[in-house]
Amino acid sequence: MPRSNNDKHPLFYVREGSWPNVTLASDAPLSAYCGLLLARDLERTMQTGGLSLRGLAEIAGVAHSTVARVLNGDVLPDIGTLTRLEDALKHQLWPGPSAVRAAVAADGRRVR
């Protein structure tokens, strides 16, 4: 998904920890939380399905470097990439607004 309001890539907002087991900075935008939840779910789904990075990339028809960048928090996927990944995995990766807001609230931040 394209970033809006000049949001940086999700990894930029890490306050502590190693991606994706991190605490985000207090000024992290909702897009950073979305990227974090998406990366965690993508990693978990790949492990459950026994899929390697290159294996998923081949099935989804995306570059393995793109999958790696999503997993590493270096980028938010665009809608086409997200759709191809979800179709290949037969699993919804997009966390949606409720999950993102719950993650923000769990960090003790106020959700606007």
Protein backbone atom coordinates (compact mmCIF):
# COMPACT_ATOMS: atom_id res chain seq x y z
CA MET A 1 0.00 0.00 0.00
CA PRO A 2 1.36 3.38 -0.79
CA ARG A 3 2.36 5.39 2.21
CA SER A 4 0.38 8.51 2.91
CA ASN A 5 1.17 11.72 4.73
CA ASN A 6 4.87 11.11 4.16
CA ASP A 7 4.89 8.05 6.44
CA LYS A 8 8.21 6.26 6.39
CA HIS A 9 8.58 2.50 5.99
CA PRO A 10 7.49 0.50 9.09
CA LEU A 11 11.03 -0.41 10.16
CA PHE A 12 11.84 3.29 10.49
CA TYR A 13 9.56 3.54 13.55
CA VAL A 14 11.14 0.77 15.65
CA ARG A 15 11.91 2.01 19.15
CA GLU A 16 13.36 -1.24 20.46
CA GLY A 17 13.63 -4.90 19.58
CA SER A 18 14.33 -6.86 16.43
CA TRP A 19 11.81 -6.80 13.61
CA PRO A 20 9.09 -8.07 13.78
CA ASN A 21 9.30 -8.47 17.58
CA VAL A 22 9.50 -4.77 18.23
CA THR A 23 8.02 -1.89 20.09
CA LEU A 24 7.20 0.98 17.79
CA ALA A 25 7.97 4.60 18.58
CA SER A 26 5.25 6.70 20.15
CA ASP A 27 4.97 8.75 16.97
CA ALA A 28 4.59 5.71 14.69
CA PRO A 29 1.67 6.16 12.29
CA LEU A 30 -1.08 3.60 11.81
CA SER A 31 0.65 2.45 8.62
CA ALA A 32 3.67 1.29 10.67
CA TYR A 33 1.40 -0.85 12.86
CA CYS A 34 -0.27 -2.22 9.75
CA GLY A 35 3.12 -3.16 8.30
CA LEU A 36 4.16 -4.78 11.56
CA LEU A 37 1.00 -6.89 11.85
CA LEU A 38 1.20 -7.83 8.18
CA ALA A 39 4.86 -8.91 8.45
CA ARG A 40 4.16 -11.00 11.55
CA ASP A 41 1.21 -12.73 9.91
CA LEU A 42 3.08 -13.28 6.65
CA GLU A 43 6.01 -14.86 8.51
CA ARG A 44 3.70 -17.07 10.59
CA THR A 45 1.67 -18.14 7.55
CA MET A 46 4.80 -18.99 5.57
CA GLN A 47 6.16 -21.08 8.46
CA THR A 48 2.86 -22.89 8.92
CA GLY A 49 2.69 -23.67 5.21
CA GLY A 50 6.35 -24.66 5.00
CA LEU A 51 6.98 -22.00 2.37
CA SER A 52 10.33 -20.41 1.74
CA LEU A 53 10.69 -16.84 0.60
CA ARG A 54 11.50 -17.90 -2.93
CA GLY A 55 8.76 -20.54 -2.91
CA LEU A 56 6.09 -18.02 -1.97
CA ALA A 57 7.45 -15.51 -4.45
CA GLU A 58 7.21 -18.05 -7.25
CA ILE A 59 3.66 -19.10 -6.37
CA ALA A 60 2.51 -15.50 -5.94
CA GLY A 61 4.28 -14.19 -9.02
CA VAL A 62 6.20 -11.50 -7.17
CA ALA A 63 9.92 -10.93 -6.76
CA HIS A 64 11.47 -12.72 -3.78
CA SER A 65 13.12 -9.42 -2.86
CA THR A 66 9.67 -7.86 -2.52
CA VAL A 67 8.56 -10.61 -0.13
CA ALA A 68 11.78 -10.12 1.85
CA ARG A 69 11.26 -6.35 2.03
CA VAL A 70 7.71 -6.81 3.34
CA LEU A 71 8.88 -9.37 5.90
CA ASN A 72 11.71 -7.06 7.00
CA GLY A 73 9.51 -3.97 7.38
CA ASP A 74 11.35 -2.14 4.61
CA VAL A 75 8.19 -1.53 2.61
CA LEU A 76 4.44 -1.76 2.70
CA PRO A 77 3.19 -3.85 -0.22
CA ASP A 78 1.08 -2.21 -2.87
CA ILE A 79 -2.45 -3.53 -3.33
CA GLY A 80 -1.48 -5.73 -6.30
CA THR A 81 1.35 -7.41 -4.40
CA LEU A 82 -0.82 -7.86 -1.33
CA THR A 83 -3.57 -9.45 -3.42
CA ARG A 84 -1.13 -11.85 -5.11
CA LEU A 85 0.38 -12.86 -1.75
CA GLU A 86 -3.03 -13.41 -0.17
CA ASP A 87 -4.23 -15.43 -3.16
CA ALA A 88 -1.10 -17.60 -3.14
CA LEU A 89 -1.41 -18.22 0.60
CA LYS A 90 -5.21 -18.57 0.55
CA HIS A 91 -5.07 -16.33 3.61
CA GLN A 92 -5.91 -12.70 4.30
CA LEU A 93 -2.81 -10.79 5.37
CA TRP A 94 -4.32 -7.30 5.48
CA PRO A 95 -5.01 -6.79 9.20
CA GLY A 96 -7.76 -4.22 8.73
CA PRO A 97 -8.51 -1.17 10.84
CA SER A 98 -9.78 -3.02 13.93
CA ALA A 99 -6.59 -5.05 14.32
CA VAL A 100 -4.39 -2.02 13.70
CA ARG A 101 -6.26 0.08 16.24
CA ALA A 102 -6.10 -2.77 18.79
CA ALA A 103 -2.32 -2.98 18.32
CA VAL A 104 -2.00 0.77 18.84
CA ALA A 105 -4.19 0.61 21.94
CA ALA A 106 -2.13 -2.31 23.30
CA ASP A 107 0.91 -0.02 23.13
CA GLY A 108 -0.97 2.41 25.35
CA ARG A 109 -1.40 5.00 22.65
CA ARG A 110 -4.51 6.95 22.03
CA VAL A 111 -6.22 6.08 18.77
CA ARG A 112 -7.54 9.11 16.93
